Amino acid sequence: MEYFQDYMKGNVCFGCGIENEEGLQIKSYWENDLSICKWKPEEKYHGWANLLNGGIIATLIDCHCMCTAMAAAYKHEDRNLGSLPEYRYATGTITVKYLKPTSCEKEVILKAKVLEIKNKKVVMQCDVFSEGEKTAEAEVIAIKVYNSAEDQSQNPFK
């Protein structure tokens, strides 16, 4: 499986950083035109008993979508992940709707779909599933904040 995060060396982000041992350590990959993230919560991420904290849900969506934006840009340019130039994205906006409680005891699945890529902006829809039911949905806009071809000194991961 080719995980987007494996191509983001130096990333110490709490949600998606492969170099943050204390973080969530999410992994995202393509499944046709959707990016998928499967993640198993731990008890320490409870909001209410047995329910996943809403801030953790928002973090999962945010990080999954920023990694998806990066991978989508490479895909849009018909390039392999890890090829040059490197791109990195940051959150422009994120609007989360919590639809139902999300179990903290079962695997959480995120499915993001890229709706638009235009200039430095990637617009996505992301749905969160728990026990086969959609528990949250979000609209996310990612903004390209780093392009290695333009400026080596601004890489947020170095």
Protein backbone atom coordinates (compact mmCIF):
# COMPACT_ATOMS: atom_id res chain seq x y z
CA MET A 1 0.00 0.00 0.00
CA GLU A 2 1.35 3.44 -0.93
CA TYR A 3 0.60 5.78 2.00
CA PHE A 4 0.73 9.53 1.34
CA GLN A 5 2.38 10.23 4.70
CA ASP A 6 5.40 8.08 3.81
CA TYR A 7 6.33 10.78 1.27
CA MET A 8 6.30 13.61 3.81
CA LYS A 9 9.70 13.16 5.47
CA GLY A 10 10.32 15.39 8.46
CA ASN A 11 6.59 15.70 9.24
CA VAL A 12 6.07 15.95 13.01
CA CYS A 13 2.36 16.88 12.87
CA PHE A 14 0.22 15.43 15.69
CA GLY A 15 -2.27 13.90 13.26
CA CYS A 16 -0.32 12.83 10.18
CA GLY A 17 3.33 13.11 11.12
CA ILE A 18 5.25 9.92 10.61
CA GLU A 19 7.95 11.36 12.85
CA ASN A 20 5.62 12.07 15.79
CA GLU A 21 5.55 8.93 17.92
CA GLU A 22 2.99 10.49 20.28
CA GLY A 23 0.65 11.50 17.44
CA LEU A 24 -2.27 9.79 15.74
CA GLN A 25 -0.06 8.30 13.00
CA ILE A 26 -2.83 8.25 10.36
CA LYS A 27 -2.21 6.60 7.00
CA SER A 28 -4.02 7.65 3.82
CA TYR A 29 -4.12 5.99 0.41
CA TRP A 30 -5.99 6.05 -2.89
CA GLU A 31 -8.87 3.71 -3.57
CA ASN A 32 -9.97 4.73 -7.06
CA ASP A 33 -10.90 8.43 -6.81
CA LEU A 34 -11.33 8.44 -3.03
CA SER A 35 -8.60 8.80 -0.46
CA ILE A 36 -9.12 6.42 2.44
CA CYS A 37 -7.87 6.50 6.01
CA LYS A 38 -8.58 3.70 8.47
CA TRP A 39 -7.72 4.47 12.07
CA LYS A 40 -8.32 2.69 15.37
CA PRO A 41 -8.95 5.01 18.33
CA GLU A 42 -7.44 4.44 21.74
CA GLU A 43 -9.23 4.94 25.05
CA LYS A 44 -7.28 8.15 25.71
CA TYR A 45 -9.17 9.83 22.83
CA HIS A 46 -12.60 9.54 24.50
CA GLY A 47 -14.89 12.52 24.68
CA TRP A 48 -17.75 10.92 26.56
CA ALA A 49 -17.39 7.30 27.65
CA ASN A 50 -16.93 5.09 24.57
CA LEU A 51 -17.32 8.05 22.19
CA LEU A 52 -14.53 9.68 20.20
CA ASN A 53 -13.68 13.28 21.09
CA GLY A 54 -14.91 15.78 18.49
CA GLY A 55 -11.57 17.56 18.33
CA ILE A 56 -9.86 14.29 17.46
CA ILE A 57 -12.43 13.76 14.70
CA ALA A 58 -11.69 17.23 13.32
CA THR A 59 -7.95 16.52 13.50
CA LEU A 60 -8.40 13.24 11.61
CA ILE A 61 -10.37 15.04 8.89
CA ASP A 62 -7.91 17.92 8.71
CA CYS A 63 -4.78 15.80 8.46
CA HIS A 64 -6.31 13.25 6.11
CA CYS A 65 -7.39 16.06 3.79
CA MET A 66 -4.06 17.93 3.85
CA CYS A 67 -2.28 14.72 2.85
CA THR A 68 -4.98 14.06 0.25
CA ALA A 69 -4.46 17.55 -1.21
CA MET A 70 -0.76 16.86 -1.62
CA ALA A 71 -1.38 13.47 -3.23
CA ALA A 72 -4.11 14.93 -5.47
CA ALA A 73 -1.75 17.61 -6.75
CA TYR A 74 0.77 14.95 -7.74
CA LYS A 75 -1.98 12.86 -9.34
CA HIS A 76 -3.33 15.94 -11.17
CA GLU A 77 0.12 16.50 -12.64
CA ASP A 78 0.47 12.78 -13.48
CA ARG A 79 3.49 12.44 -11.17
CA ASN A 80 4.52 9.86 -8.62
CA LEU A 81 4.40 10.66 -4.92
CA GLY A 82 7.83 11.78 -3.78
CA SER A 83 8.83 13.21 -7.16
CA LEU A 84 10.03 16.78 -7.45
CA PRO A 85 8.87 19.40 -6.93
CA GLU A 86 7.51 18.59 -3.45
CA TYR A 87 4.28 20.23 -2.30
CA ARG A 88 2.84 20.79 1.16
CA TYR A 89 -0.63 22.05 2.11
CA ALA A 90 -2.19 23.80 5.10
CA THR A 91 -5.80 24.21 6.10
CA GLY A 92 -7.58 27.16 4.50
CA THR A 93 -10.98 26.29 5.94
CA ILE A 94 -12.61 23.28 7.52
CA THR A 95 -16.31 22.98 8.25
CA VAL A 96 -17.29 19.86 10.18
CA LYS A 97 -20.84 18.65 10.76
CA TYR A 98 -21.16 16.04 13.48
CA LEU A 99 -24.09 13.82 12.54
CA LYS A 100 -23.98 10.99 15.10
CA PRO A 101 -21.73 9.85 17.93
CA THR A 102 -18.54 8.13 16.76
CA SER A 103 -17.43 5.03 18.63
CA CYS A 104 -14.07 5.16 20.36
CA GLU A 105 -14.00 1.37 20.40
CA LYS A 106 -14.28 0.64 16.67
CA GLU A 107 -12.23 1.50 13.61
CA VAL A 108 -12.94 4.91 12.07
CA ILE A 109 -12.89 5.21 8.28
CA LEU A 110 -12.47 8.52 6.48
CA LYS A 111 -13.26 8.93 2.79
CA ALA A 112 -12.22 12.14 1.06
CA LYS A 113 -13.15 13.17 -2.46
CA VAL A 114 -11.37 15.96 -4.32
CA LEU A 115 -13.98 18.32 -5.76
CA GLU A 116 -11.70 20.95 -7.30
CA ILE A 117 -8.05 21.75 -7.86
CA LYS A 118 -7.41 25.34 -8.88
CA ASN A 119 -4.09 27.17 -8.60
CA LYS A 120 -2.94 26.70 -4.98
CA LYS A 121 -6.34 25.52 -3.71
CA VAL A 122 -7.77 22.00 -3.33
CA VAL A 123 -11.43 21.64 -2.29
CA MET A 124 -12.54 18.34 -0.74
CA GLN A 125 -15.51 16.60 0.83
CA CYS A 126 -14.64 14.21 3.65
CA ASP A 127 -16.96 11.73 5.34
CA VAL A 128 -16.30 9.87 8.59
CA PHE A 129 -17.73 6.41 9.20
CA SER A 130 -18.02 4.33 12.35
CA GLU A 131 -19.61 0.89 12.46
CA GLY A 132 -20.80 1.37 8.87
CA GLU A 133 -22.64 4.64 9.54
CA LYS A 134 -21.66 8.16 8.53
CA THR A 135 -21.03 10.07 11.75
CA ALA A 136 -19.50 13.30 10.45
CA GLU A 137 -18.93 15.16 7.20
CA ALA A 138 -16.74 18.08 6.30
CA GLU A 139 -15.91 20.50 3.54
CA VAL A 140 -12.21 21.28 3.54
CA ILE A 141 -10.13 23.73 1.55
CA ALA A 142 -6.39 23.15 1.46
CA ILE A 143 -3.92 25.82 0.37
CA LYS A 144 -0.50 25.01 -1.08
CA VAL A 145 2.03 26.61 1.25
CA TYR A 146 5.20 25.03 -0.06
CA ASN A 147 6.57 24.21 -3.51
CA SER A 148 10.18 23.00 -3.50
CA ALA A 149 10.71 24.36 -7.00
CA GLU A 150 9.97 27.88 -5.76
CA ASP A 151 11.72 28.09 -2.40
CA GLN A 152 13.79 25.52 -0.51
CA SER A 153 13.99 27.68 2.61
CA GLN A 154 10.25 27.60 3.34
CA ASN A 155 9.72 23.83 3.66
CA PRO A 156 7.55 23.48 6.79
CA PHE A 157 9.06 20.04 7.48
CA LYS A 158 12.71 21.09 7.60
